[in-house]
C-alpha cells in the first residue's frame, strides 16, 4: 500500500479487486460526503485516510498515516 495522501480509482480497483467504474462510483460517493462536511476534494481520488476508515474502520492510531 502506498503512503500517498490520496488513493486513485485505479489503485482502489486493484486493491479491492473491483472494476474501475465501480471504484470511480465509490470515490464519487465518498467525495460527495466529504464536500457535504466542508472538505475540498479532488476528482478521481479520495483521501486514503477516509478510504481506510470507511472500508476497514481504521483510524490513524490503528494503521493509517500519522499526522506530524
N, C-alpha and C. Protein backbone atom coordinates (compact mmCIF):
# COMPACT_ATOMS: atom_id res chain seq x y z
N UNK A 1 0.84 -1.17 0.00
CA UNK A 1 0.00 0.00 0.00
C UNK A 1 0.88 1.24 0.00
N UNK A 2 0.51 2.20 -0.77
CA UNK A 2 1.25 3.45 -0.91
C UNK A 2 1.07 4.34 0.32
N UNK A 3 2.02 5.25 0.52
CA UNK A 3 1.90 6.24 1.59
C UNK A 3 1.35 7.55 1.09
N UNK A 4 0.87 7.59 -0.16
CA UNK A 4 0.32 8.81 -0.74
C UNK A 4 -0.91 9.25 0.05
N UNK A 5 -1.15 10.56 0.07
CA UNK A 5 -2.28 11.12 0.80
C UNK A 5 -3.60 10.67 0.17
N UNK A 6 -3.63 10.58 -1.16
CA UNK A 6 -4.84 10.18 -1.87
C UNK A 6 -4.70 8.79 -2.46
N UNK A 7 -5.84 8.11 -2.60
CA UNK A 7 -5.88 6.86 -3.34
C UNK A 7 -6.65 7.14 -4.63
N UNK A 8 -6.10 6.69 -5.73
CA UNK A 8 -6.73 6.88 -7.04
C UNK A 8 -7.64 5.70 -7.35
N UNK A 9 -8.55 5.92 -8.29
CA UNK A 9 -9.51 4.89 -8.66
C UNK A 9 -8.82 3.62 -9.14
N UNK A 10 -7.73 3.77 -9.89
CA UNK A 10 -7.03 2.59 -10.41
C UNK A 10 -6.48 1.73 -9.27
N UNK A 11 -5.89 2.38 -8.27
CA UNK A 11 -5.34 1.64 -7.13
C UNK A 11 -6.46 1.02 -6.29
N UNK A 12 -7.55 1.75 -6.11
CA UNK A 12 -8.69 1.24 -5.36
C UNK A 12 -9.26 0.00 -6.04
N UNK A 13 -9.41 0.06 -7.36
CA UNK A 13 -9.94 -1.08 -8.12
C UNK A 13 -9.04 -2.29 -7.96
N UNK A 14 -7.75 -2.08 -8.03
CA UNK A 14 -6.82 -3.19 -7.90
C UNK A 14 -6.84 -3.77 -6.49
N UNK A 15 -6.81 -2.90 -5.50
CA UNK A 15 -6.77 -3.35 -4.11
C UNK A 15 -8.02 -4.13 -3.71
N UNK A 16 -9.19 -3.67 -4.18
CA UNK A 16 -10.45 -4.32 -3.82
C UNK A 16 -10.90 -5.36 -4.83
N UNK A 17 -10.14 -5.50 -5.91
CA UNK A 17 -10.48 -6.44 -7.00
C UNK A 17 -11.88 -6.17 -7.53
N UNK A 18 -12.08 -4.89 -7.89
CA UNK A 18 -13.34 -4.45 -8.48
C UNK A 18 -13.03 -3.72 -9.78
N UNK A 19 -14.06 -3.43 -10.56
CA UNK A 19 -13.85 -2.70 -11.81
C UNK A 19 -13.49 -1.25 -11.52
N UNK A 20 -12.85 -0.62 -12.50
CA UNK A 20 -12.51 0.79 -12.35
C UNK A 20 -13.77 1.64 -12.26
N UNK A 21 -14.80 1.27 -12.99
CA UNK A 21 -16.04 2.06 -12.94
C UNK A 21 -16.66 2.01 -11.55
N UNK A 22 -16.62 0.85 -10.90
CA UNK A 22 -17.12 0.74 -9.53
C UNK A 22 -16.27 1.58 -8.58
N UNK A 23 -14.95 1.56 -8.77
CA UNK A 23 -14.05 2.35 -7.92
C UNK A 23 -14.35 3.84 -8.08
N UNK A 24 -14.58 4.29 -9.32
CA UNK A 24 -14.92 5.69 -9.53
C UNK A 24 -16.24 6.05 -8.85
N UNK A 25 -17.21 5.16 -8.88
CA UNK A 25 -18.50 5.40 -8.21
C UNK A 25 -18.30 5.53 -6.71
N UNK A 26 -17.48 4.66 -6.14
CA UNK A 26 -17.21 4.72 -4.70
C UNK A 26 -16.53 6.04 -4.34
N UNK A 27 -15.56 6.43 -5.14
CA UNK A 27 -14.83 7.68 -4.88
C UNK A 27 -15.77 8.87 -5.02
N UNK A 28 -16.64 8.87 -6.02
CA UNK A 28 -17.61 9.96 -6.17
C UNK A 28 -18.49 10.08 -4.94
N UNK A 29 -18.96 8.94 -4.43
CA UNK A 29 -19.82 8.94 -3.24
C UNK A 29 -19.07 9.50 -2.03
N UNK A 30 -17.85 9.01 -1.81
CA UNK A 30 -17.06 9.48 -0.68
C UNK A 30 -16.74 10.96 -0.81
N UNK A 31 -16.44 11.42 -2.02
CA UNK A 31 -16.16 12.84 -2.22
C UNK A 31 -17.40 13.70 -1.97
N UNK A 32 -18.57 13.20 -2.32
CA UNK A 32 -19.82 13.91 -2.01
C UNK A 32 -19.97 14.06 -0.50
N UNK A 33 -19.70 12.98 0.23
CA UNK A 33 -19.78 13.01 1.69
C UNK A 33 -18.79 14.03 2.26
N UNK A 34 -17.58 14.03 1.74
CA UNK A 34 -16.56 14.96 2.23
C UNK A 34 -16.93 16.41 1.92
N UNK A 35 -17.44 16.67 0.70
CA UNK A 35 -17.87 18.03 0.35
C UNK A 35 -18.99 18.50 1.26
N UNK A 36 -19.92 17.60 1.59
CA UNK A 36 -21.03 17.95 2.48
C UNK A 36 -20.52 18.34 3.87
N UNK A 37 -19.35 17.82 4.24
CA UNK A 37 -18.74 18.15 5.53
C UNK A 37 -17.84 19.38 5.43
N UNK A 38 -17.74 19.96 4.22
CA UNK A 38 -16.97 21.18 4.03
C UNK A 38 -15.53 20.98 3.60
N UNK A 39 -15.15 19.75 3.22
CA UNK A 39 -13.78 19.48 2.79
C UNK A 39 -13.64 19.67 1.29
N UNK A 40 -12.46 20.07 0.86
CA UNK A 40 -12.14 20.14 -0.56
C UNK A 40 -11.85 18.72 -1.05
N UNK A 41 -12.17 18.44 -2.30
CA UNK A 41 -11.95 17.11 -2.86
C UNK A 41 -11.25 17.22 -4.20
N UNK A 42 -10.74 16.09 -4.68
CA UNK A 42 -10.09 16.00 -5.98
C UNK A 42 -10.79 14.90 -6.76
N UNK A 43 -11.28 15.22 -7.96
CA UNK A 43 -11.97 14.22 -8.77
C UNK A 43 -11.08 13.02 -9.05
N UNK A 44 -11.64 11.82 -8.95
CA UNK A 44 -10.90 10.59 -9.25
C UNK A 44 -9.97 10.13 -8.15
N UNK A 45 -9.97 10.85 -7.03
CA UNK A 45 -9.12 10.50 -5.89
C UNK A 45 -9.90 10.76 -4.61
N UNK A 46 -9.53 10.05 -3.57
CA UNK A 46 -10.13 10.30 -2.26
C UNK A 46 -9.04 10.16 -1.21
N UNK A 47 -9.21 10.82 -0.11
CA UNK A 47 -8.27 10.73 0.98
C UNK A 47 -8.08 9.27 1.38
N UNK A 48 -6.82 8.85 1.44
CA UNK A 48 -6.53 7.47 1.83
C UNK A 48 -7.07 7.20 3.23
N UNK A 49 -6.99 8.17 4.13
CA UNK A 49 -7.50 8.00 5.49
C UNK A 49 -9.00 7.77 5.47
N UNK A 50 -9.73 8.54 4.66
CA UNK A 50 -11.19 8.38 4.57
C UNK A 50 -11.53 7.00 4.01
N UNK A 51 -10.80 6.57 3.02
CA UNK A 51 -10.98 5.23 2.45
C UNK A 51 -10.78 4.16 3.52
N UNK A 52 -9.68 4.23 4.26
CA UNK A 52 -9.40 3.22 5.29
C UNK A 52 -10.46 3.22 6.38
N UNK A 53 -10.93 4.39 6.77
CA UNK A 53 -11.97 4.47 7.79
C UNK A 53 -13.27 3.84 7.31
N UNK A 54 -13.63 4.08 6.05
CA UNK A 54 -14.90 3.57 5.54
C UNK A 54 -14.85 2.09 5.15
N UNK A 55 -13.73 1.61 4.72
CA UNK A 55 -13.64 0.22 4.32
C UNK A 55 -13.28 -0.72 5.47
N UNK A 56 -12.43 -0.25 6.36
CA UNK A 56 -11.90 -1.14 7.39
C UNK A 56 -12.10 -0.63 8.80
N UNK A 57 -12.70 0.55 8.97
CA UNK A 57 -12.91 1.11 10.29
C UNK A 57 -11.62 1.54 10.97
N UNK A 58 -10.56 1.74 10.18
CA UNK A 58 -9.27 2.11 10.74
C UNK A 58 -9.19 3.61 10.98
N UNK A 59 -8.54 3.99 12.07
CA UNK A 59 -8.23 5.38 12.34
C UNK A 59 -6.72 5.54 12.27
N UNK A 60 -6.21 6.75 12.41
CA UNK A 60 -4.76 6.97 12.38
C UNK A 60 -4.03 6.10 13.39
N UNK A 61 -4.60 5.92 14.54
CA UNK A 61 -3.95 5.14 15.60
C UNK A 61 -3.86 3.65 15.26
N UNK A 62 -4.74 3.19 14.36
CA UNK A 62 -4.81 1.78 14.04
C UNK A 62 -4.07 1.39 12.77
N UNK A 63 -3.36 2.31 12.15
CA UNK A 63 -2.62 1.91 10.98
C UNK A 63 -2.63 2.90 9.85
N UNK A 64 -3.43 3.96 9.95
CA UNK A 64 -3.41 4.98 8.93
C UNK A 64 -2.17 5.84 9.11
N UNK A 65 -1.97 6.76 8.20
CA UNK A 65 -0.81 7.66 8.31
C UNK A 65 -0.97 8.56 9.51
N UNK A 66 0.07 8.75 10.23
CA UNK A 66 0.08 9.64 11.38
C UNK A 66 0.36 11.06 10.93
N UNK A 67 -0.33 12.01 11.51
CA UNK A 67 -0.05 13.42 11.24
C UNK A 67 1.19 13.81 12.02
N UNK A 68 2.06 14.59 11.40
CA UNK A 68 3.29 15.04 12.07
C UNK A 68 3.05 16.27 12.92
